[in-house]
C-alpha atoms as a PDB file:
ATOM      1  CA  MET A   1       4.215  44.147  53.494  1.00  0.00           C
ATOM      2  CA  ALA A   2       0.660  44.850  52.216  1.00  0.00           C
ATOM      3  CA  ARG A   3      -0.181  45.304  48.549  1.00  0.00           C
ATOM      4  CA  TYR A   4       0.658  48.805  47.324  1.00  0.00           C
ATOM      5  CA  THR A   5      -2.489  50.970  46.923  1.00  0.00           C
ATOM      6  CA  GLY A   6      -0.887  54.371  46.780  1.00  0.00           C
ATOM      7  CA  PRO A   7      -0.419  56.771  43.815  1.00  0.00           C
ATOM      8  CA  ARG A   8       0.535  54.871  40.701  1.00  0.00           C
ATOM      9  CA  THR A   9       2.212  57.861  39.102  1.00  0.00           C
ATOM     10  CA  LYS A  10       4.670  57.965  42.040  1.00  0.00           C
ATOM     11  CA  ILE A  11       5.827  54.471  41.255  1.00  0.00           C
ATOM     12  CA  ALA A  12       5.965  55.148  37.517  1.00  0.00           C
ATOM     13  CA  ARG A  13       8.146  58.208  38.207  1.00  0.00           C
ATOM     14  CA  LYS A  14      10.372  56.198  40.498  1.00  0.00           C
ATOM     15  CA  PHE A  15      11.209  53.812  37.619  1.00  0.00           C
ATOM     16  CA  LYS A  16      10.794  56.459  34.901  1.00  0.00           C
ATOM     17  CA  GLU A  17       8.519  54.102  33.030  1.00  0.00           C
ATOM     18  CA  PRO A  18       4.688  53.929  32.648  1.00  0.00           C
ATOM     19  CA  ILE A  19       4.547  50.507  34.299  1.00  0.00           C
ATOM     20  CA  TYR A  20       0.770  50.879  34.996  1.00  0.00           C
ATOM     21  CA  GLY A  21      -0.085  52.023  31.468  1.00  0.00           C
ATOM     22  CA  PRO A  22      -0.254  55.423  29.796  1.00  0.00           C
ATOM     23  CA  ASP A  23       0.329  58.207  32.319  1.00  0.00           C
ATOM     24  CA  LYS A  24      -0.063  61.883  31.458  1.00  0.00           C
ATOM     25  CA  ASN A  25       1.506  62.958  34.804  1.00  0.00           C
ATOM     26  CA  LEU A  26       4.625  60.912  34.066  1.00  0.00           C
ATOM     27  CA  GLU A  27       4.962  62.615  30.692  1.00  0.00           C
ATOM     28  CA  ARG A  28       4.863  66.018  32.355  1.00  0.00           C
ATOM     29  CA  ARG A  29       7.119  65.131  35.287  1.00  0.00           C
ATOM     30  CA  ASN A  30       9.563  62.521  34.066  1.00  0.00           C
ATOM     31  CA  TYR A  31      11.833  62.642  37.112  1.00  0.00           C
ATOM     32  CA  PRO A  32      11.896  60.865  40.533  1.00  0.00           C
ATOM     33  CA  PRO A  33       9.160  61.819  43.046  1.00  0.00           C
ATOM     34  CA  GLY A  34       9.925  63.780  46.190  1.00  0.00           C
ATOM     35  CA  GLN A  35      10.898  67.403  47.113  1.00  0.00           C
ATOM     36  CA  HIS A  36      14.328  67.161  45.433  1.00  0.00           C
ATOM     37  CA  GLY A  37      13.388  64.740  42.667  1.00  0.00           C
ATOM     38  CA  GLN A  38      14.097  67.110  39.792  1.00  0.00           C
ATOM     39  CA  ASN A  39      17.431  68.329  41.097  1.00  0.00           C
ATOM     40  CA  LYS A  40      18.644  65.344  43.112  1.00  0.00           C
ATOM     41  CA  ARG A  41      22.079  64.081  42.045  1.00  0.00           C
ATOM     42  CA  ARG A  42      22.327  60.445  42.920  1.00  0.00           C
ATOM     43  CA  ALA A  43      25.596  58.484  43.122  1.00  0.00           C
ATOM     44  CA  LYS A  44      26.068  55.777  40.504  1.00  0.00           C
ATOM     45  CA  GLN A  45      23.701  52.901  41.362  1.00  0.00           C
ATOM     46  CA  SER A  46      25.403  49.703  42.500  1.00  0.00           C
ATOM     47  CA  GLU A  47      24.908  46.366  40.750  1.00  0.00           C
ATOM     48  CA  TYR A  48      22.748  45.226  43.688  1.00  0.00           C
ATOM     49  CA  GLY A  49      20.697  48.385  43.453  1.00  0.00           C
ATOM     50  CA  LEU A  50      20.060  47.850  39.767  1.00  0.00           C
ATOM     51  CA  GLN A  51      19.019  44.247  40.287  1.00  0.00           C
ATOM     52  CA  LEU A  52      16.685  45.202  43.224  1.00  0.00           C
ATOM     53  CA  ALA A  53      15.105  47.926  41.087  1.00  0.00           C
ATOM     54  CA  GLU A  54      14.328  45.341  38.337  1.00  0.00           C
ATOM     55  CA  LYS A  55      12.693  43.074  40.908  1.00  0.00           C
ATOM     56  CA  GLN A  56      10.659  45.852  42.392  1.00  0.00           C
ATOM     57  CA  LYS A  57       9.551  46.912  38.917  1.00  0.00           C
ATOM     58  CA  ALA A  58       8.303  43.432  38.134  1.00  0.00           C
ATOM     59  CA  LYS A  59       6.548  43.108  41.478  1.00  0.00           C
ATOM     60  CA  TYR A  60       4.773  46.498  41.077  1.00  0.00           C
ATOM     61  CA  THR A  61       3.851  45.767  37.441  1.00  0.00           C
ATOM     62  CA  TYR A  62       2.157  42.496  38.208  1.00  0.00           C
ATOM     63  CA  GLY A  63       1.033  43.379  41.724  1.00  0.00           C
ATOM     64  CA  ILE A  64       2.787  40.426  43.335  1.00  0.00           C
ATOM     65  CA  LEU A  65       4.050  40.400  46.988  1.00  0.00           C
ATOM     66  CA  GLU A  66       7.575  39.379  47.969  1.00  0.00           C
ATOM     67  CA  ARG A  67       6.567  35.928  49.360  1.00  0.00           C
ATOM     68  CA  GLN A  68       4.636  35.063  46.199  1.00  0.00           C
ATOM     69  CA  PHE A  69       7.380  36.354  43.968  1.00  0.00           C
ATOM     70  CA  LYS A  70       9.994  34.262  45.756  1.00  0.00           C
ATOM     71  CA  LYS A  71       7.874  31.146  45.437  1.00  0.00           C
ATOM     72  CA  LEU A  72       7.503  31.713  41.667  1.00  0.00           C
ATOM     73  CA  PHE A  73      11.270  32.178  41.353  1.00  0.00           C
ATOM     74  CA  LEU A  74      11.990  28.917  43.213  1.00  0.00           C
ATOM     75  CA  ARG A  75       9.517  27.109  40.999  1.00  0.00           C
ATOM     76  CA  ALA A  76      11.055  28.617  37.859  1.00  0.00           C
ATOM     77  CA  ALA A  77      14.544  27.665  39.053  1.00  0.00           C
ATOM     78  CA  GLY A  78      13.434  24.031  39.460  1.00  0.00           C
ATOM     79  CA  LYS A  79      12.205  23.809  35.884  1.00  0.00           C
ATOM     80  CA  LYS A  80      14.270  22.949  32.796  1.00  0.00           C
ATOM     81  CA  GLY A  81      15.386  25.923  30.667  1.00  0.00           C
ATOM     82  CA  VAL A  82      16.424  29.460  31.422  1.00  0.00           C
ATOM     83  CA  THR A  83      15.306  30.513  34.870  1.00  0.00           C
ATOM     84  CA  GLY A  84      14.468  34.095  34.006  1.00  0.00           C
ATOM     85  CA  VAL A  85      12.321  33.046  31.033  1.00  0.00           C
ATOM     86  CA  ASN A  86      10.603  30.409  33.110  1.00  0.00           C
ATOM     87  CA  LEU A  87       9.873  33.085  35.717  1.00  0.00           C
ATOM     88  CA  VAL A  88       8.202  35.338  33.122  1.00  0.00           C
ATOM     89  CA  LYS A  89       6.145  32.410  31.789  1.00  0.00           C
ATOM     90  CA  LEU A  90       4.879  31.522  35.278  1.00  0.00           C
ATOM     91  CA  ILE A  91       3.974  35.131  36.093  1.00  0.00           C
ATOM     92  CA  GLU A  92       2.146  35.430  32.781  1.00  0.00           C
ATOM     93  CA  SER A  93       0.163  32.291  33.579  1.00  0.00           C
ATOM     94  CA  ARG A  94      -1.334  33.818  36.820  1.00  0.00           C
ATOM     95  CA  LEU A  95      -5.123  33.927  36.596  1.00  0.00           C
ATOM     96  CA  ASP A  96      -5.328  37.681  37.428  1.00  0.00           C
ATOM     97  CA  ASN A  97      -2.806  38.460  34.677  1.00  0.00           C
ATOM     98  CA  VAL A  98      -4.626  36.319  32.033  1.00  0.00           C
ATOM     99  CA  ILE A  99      -7.912  38.081  32.896  1.00  0.00           C
ATOM    100  CA  PHE A 100      -6.222  41.406  32.372  1.00  0.00           C
ATOM    101  CA  ARG A 101      -4.593  40.314  29.122  1.00  0.00           C
ATOM    102  CA  LEU A 102      -7.925  38.984  27.780  1.00  0.00           C
ATOM    103  CA  GLY A 103      -9.458  42.431  28.404  1.00  0.00           C
ATOM    104  CA  ILE A 104     -12.034  41.200  30.990  1.00  0.00           C
ATOM    105  CA  ALA A 105     -10.680  43.736  33.521  1.00  0.00           C
ATOM    106  CA  PRO A 106      -9.008  47.122  32.805  1.00  0.00           C
ATOM    107  CA  THR A 107      -6.158  46.518  35.312  1.00  0.00           C
ATOM    108  CA  ARG A 108      -4.559  43.598  37.113  1.00  0.00           C
ATOM    109  CA  ALA A 109      -5.917  44.988  40.399  1.00  0.00           C
ATOM    110  CA  ALA A 110      -9.422  44.937  38.942  1.00  0.00           C
ATOM    111  CA  ALA A 111      -8.779  41.411  37.698  1.00  0.00           C
ATOM    112  CA  ARG A 112      -7.880  40.272  41.237  1.00  0.00           C
ATOM    113  CA  GLN A 113     -11.062  41.848  42.573  1.00  0.00           C
ATOM    114  CA  LEU A 114     -13.213  40.048  39.995  1.00  0.00           C
ATOM    115  CA  VAL A 115     -11.724  36.692  40.953  1.00  0.00           C
ATOM    116  CA  SER A 116     -11.994  37.411  44.680  1.00  0.00           C
ATOM    117  CA  HIS A 117     -15.655  38.301  44.254  1.00  0.00           C
ATOM    118  CA  ARG A 118     -16.296  35.018  42.404  1.00  0.00           C
ATOM    119  CA  HIS A 119     -17.148  36.375  38.948  1.00  0.00           C
ATOM    120  CA  ILE A 120     -14.693  34.100  37.148  1.00  0.00           C
ATOM    121  CA  LEU A 121     -14.850  30.396  36.217  1.00  0.00           C
ATOM    122  CA  VAL A 122     -11.813  28.265  35.391  1.00  0.00           C
ATOM    123  CA  ASN A 123     -12.645  25.130  33.493  1.00  0.00           C
ATOM    124  CA  GLY A 124     -16.301  25.541  34.459  1.00  0.00           C
ATOM    125  CA  LYS A 125     -15.644  25.957  38.216  1.00  0.00           C
ATOM    126  CA  ILE A 126     -15.758  29.115  40.298  1.00  0.00           C
ATOM    127  CA  THR A 127     -12.429  30.136  41.734  1.00  0.00           C
ATOM    128  CA  ASN A 128     -11.479  32.970  44.076  1.00  0.00           C
ATOM    129  CA  ILE A 129      -7.672  32.582  43.965  1.00  0.00           C
ATOM    130  CA  PRO A 130      -6.116  35.351  41.720  1.00  0.00           C
ATOM    131  CA  SER A 131      -2.664  33.782  41.992  1.00  0.00           C
ATOM    132  CA  MET A 132      -3.808  30.471  40.518  1.00  0.00           C
ATOM    133  CA  LEU A 133      -1.335  29.312  37.787  1.00  0.00           C
ATOM    134  CA  LEU A 134      -2.981  28.255  34.612  1.00  0.00           C
ATOM    135  CA  VAL A 135      -1.672  25.490  32.297  1.00  0.00           C
ATOM    136  CA  PRO A 136      -2.134  25.261  28.495  1.00  0.00           C
ATOM    137  CA  GLY A 137      -5.683  24.261  27.620  1.00  0.00           C
ATOM    138  CA  ASP A 138      -7.368  25.962  30.691  1.00  0.00           C
ATOM    139  CA  ILE A 139     -10.573  27.818  29.940  1.00  0.00           C
ATOM    140  CA  VAL A 140     -11.316  31.091  31.722  1.00  0.00           C
ATOM    141  CA  ALA A 141     -14.858  32.436  31.580  1.00  0.00           C
ATOM    142  CA  VAL A 142     -17.086  35.137  33.055  1.00  0.00           C
ATOM    143  CA  ARG A 143     -19.935  33.745  35.156  1.00  0.00           C
ATOM    144  CA  GLU A 144     -23.234  34.029  33.253  1.00  0.00           C
ATOM    145  CA  ARG A 145     -24.801  36.215  35.917  1.00  0.00           C
ATOM    146  CA  SER A 146     -21.695  38.494  35.946  1.00  0.00           C
ATOM    147  CA  GLN A 147     -21.456  39.165  32.214  1.00  0.00           C
ATOM    148  CA  ALA A 148     -23.460  42.348  32.370  1.00  0.00           C
ATOM    149  CA  LEU A 149     -21.268  43.969  35.041  1.00  0.00           C
ATOM    150  CA  GLU A 150     -20.306  47.432  33.969  1.00  0.00           C
ATOM    151  CA  VAL A 151     -16.610  47.075  34.760  1.00  0.00           C
ATOM    152  CA  ILE A 152     -16.405  44.006  32.515  1.00  0.00           C
ATOM    153  CA  THR A 153     -18.466  45.346  29.541  1.00  0.00           C
ATOM    154  CA  ASN A 154     -16.628  48.641  29.634  1.00  0.00           C
ATOM    155  CA  SER A 155     -13.277  46.890  29.652  1.00  0.00           C
ATOM    156  CA  LEU A 156     -14.214  44.540  26.829  1.00  0.00           C
ATOM    157  CA  ASN A 157     -15.674  47.395  24.712  1.00  0.00           C
ATOM    158  CA  GLY A 158     -13.241  47.921  21.850  1.00  0.00           C
ATOM    159  CA  HIS A 159     -10.644  45.480  23.295  1.00  0.00           C
ATOM    160  CA  THR A 160      -8.910  43.338  20.737  1.00  0.00           C
ATOM    161  CA  ASN A 161      -6.880  40.299  21.779  1.00  0.00           C
ATOM    162  CA  SER A 162      -3.323  40.891  20.597  1.00  0.00           C
ATOM    163  CA  TYR A 163      -1.614  38.061  22.483  1.00  0.00           C
ATOM    164  CA  SER A 164      -0.823  34.894  20.474  1.00  0.00           C
ATOM    165  CA  TRP A 165      -0.921  32.670  23.581  1.00  0.00           C
ATOM    166  CA  LEU A 166      -4.523  33.582  24.412  1.00  0.00           C
ATOM    167  CA  GLU A 167      -7.728  32.888  22.539  1.00  0.00           C
ATOM    168  CA  TRP A 168     -10.887  34.889  23.231  1.00  0.00           C
ATOM    169  CA  ASP A 169     -14.538  34.120  22.254  1.00  0.00           C
ATOM    170  CA  ALA A 170     -16.527  37.340  22.645  1.00  0.00           C
ATOM    171  CA  ASN A 171     -19.926  35.579  22.196  1.00  0.00           C
ATOM    172  CA  LEU A 172     -19.346  33.100  25.017  1.00  0.00           C
ATOM    173  CA  MET A 173     -17.117  35.480  27.047  1.00  0.00           C
ATOM    174  CA  THR A 174     -14.543  32.680  27.402  1.00  0.00           C
ATOM    175  CA  GLY A 175     -10.874  32.700  26.914  1.00  0.00           C
ATOM    176  CA  LYS A 176      -8.387  29.848  26.458  1.00  0.00           C
ATOM    177  CA  PHE A 177      -4.755  29.808  27.717  1.00  0.00           C
ATOM    178  CA  MET A 178      -3.187  28.220  24.663  1.00  0.00           C
ATOM    179  CA  ASN A 179       0.466  28.067  25.739  1.00  0.00           C
ATOM    180  CA  TYR A 180       3.180  29.820  27.723  1.00  0.00           C
ATOM    181  CA  PRO A 181       4.399  32.957  25.914  1.00  0.00           C
ATOM    182  CA  GLU A 182       7.872  33.416  24.660  1.00  0.00           C
ATOM    183  CA  ARG A 183       9.817  36.183  26.372  1.00  0.00           C
ATOM    184  CA  GLU A 184       9.860  38.422  23.287  1.00  0.00           C
ATOM    185  CA  GLU A 185       6.057  38.259  23.110  1.00  0.00           C
ATOM    186  CA  VAL A 186       5.649  39.718  26.616  1.00  0.00           C
ATOM    187  CA  PRO A 187       5.630  43.612  26.412  1.00  0.00           C
ATOM    188  CA  GLU A 188       6.883  44.243  29.923  1.00  0.00           C
ATOM    189  CA  THR A 189      10.430  45.687  29.969  1.00  0.00           C
ATOM    190  CA  PHE A 190      11.951  44.523  33.233  1.00  0.00           C
ATOM    191  CA  ASN A 191      15.239  42.585  33.099  1.00  0.00           C
ATOM    192  CA  GLU A 192      14.478  39.025  34.377  1.00  0.00           C
ATOM    193  CA  GLN A 193      18.154  38.031  34.323  1.00  0.00           C
ATOM    194  CA  ALA A 194      18.906  40.768  36.869  1.00  0.00           C
ATOM    195  CA  ILE A 195      16.242  39.257  39.099  1.00  0.00           C
ATOM    196  CA  VAL A 196      17.735  35.843  38.822  1.00  0.00           C
ATOM    197  CA  GLU A 197      21.158  37.232  39.743  1.00  0.00           C
ATOM    198  CA  LEU A 198      19.647  39.001  42.753  1.00  0.00           C
ATOM    199  CA  TYR A 199      18.008  35.875  44.105  1.00  0.00           C
ATOM    200  CA  SER A 200      21.196  33.832  43.381  1.00  0.00           C
ATOM    201  CA  LYS A 201      23.457  35.872  45.678  1.00  0.00           C
END
């Protein structure tokens, strides 16, 4: 399966949530996509269907493919603590997500592109792996020659860091991953326990 690059509103309507951010089209058409979306009467969704939907919602939100997602789950399951919470912490520590949260990029997809095009430094070294997992204390910075890029300056313009686990220095254009966030601090609304139950079948 390749990464989804189709209409974002279609996915948002599928889950009836603005998972890619504010969406005027979703507000106007808050029903499933398709020819019969507005009038379609669906049978009650099974427990498996609900769990699968939560996993798909998380994957679309963060732009993670199935293979990567399964690896993160297995890693979370091997750590001490609640598996679902561990999974959220690991996902939030991905480099592309941290760049998005810091405001360096307007979307996670744009963040992945910045990393792939070698505009980002981690602890002073260039990296081109968007899925890299950060650990507390890691420093993320924009390369000096990339700091004037329009996509970065536009994204940072007016952005305020509202996440307690991240620290941003606007003058140096560097951010610090302070610690793993608590689940209640993460604004995404998917049910991580349903994902754990799905993978545990």
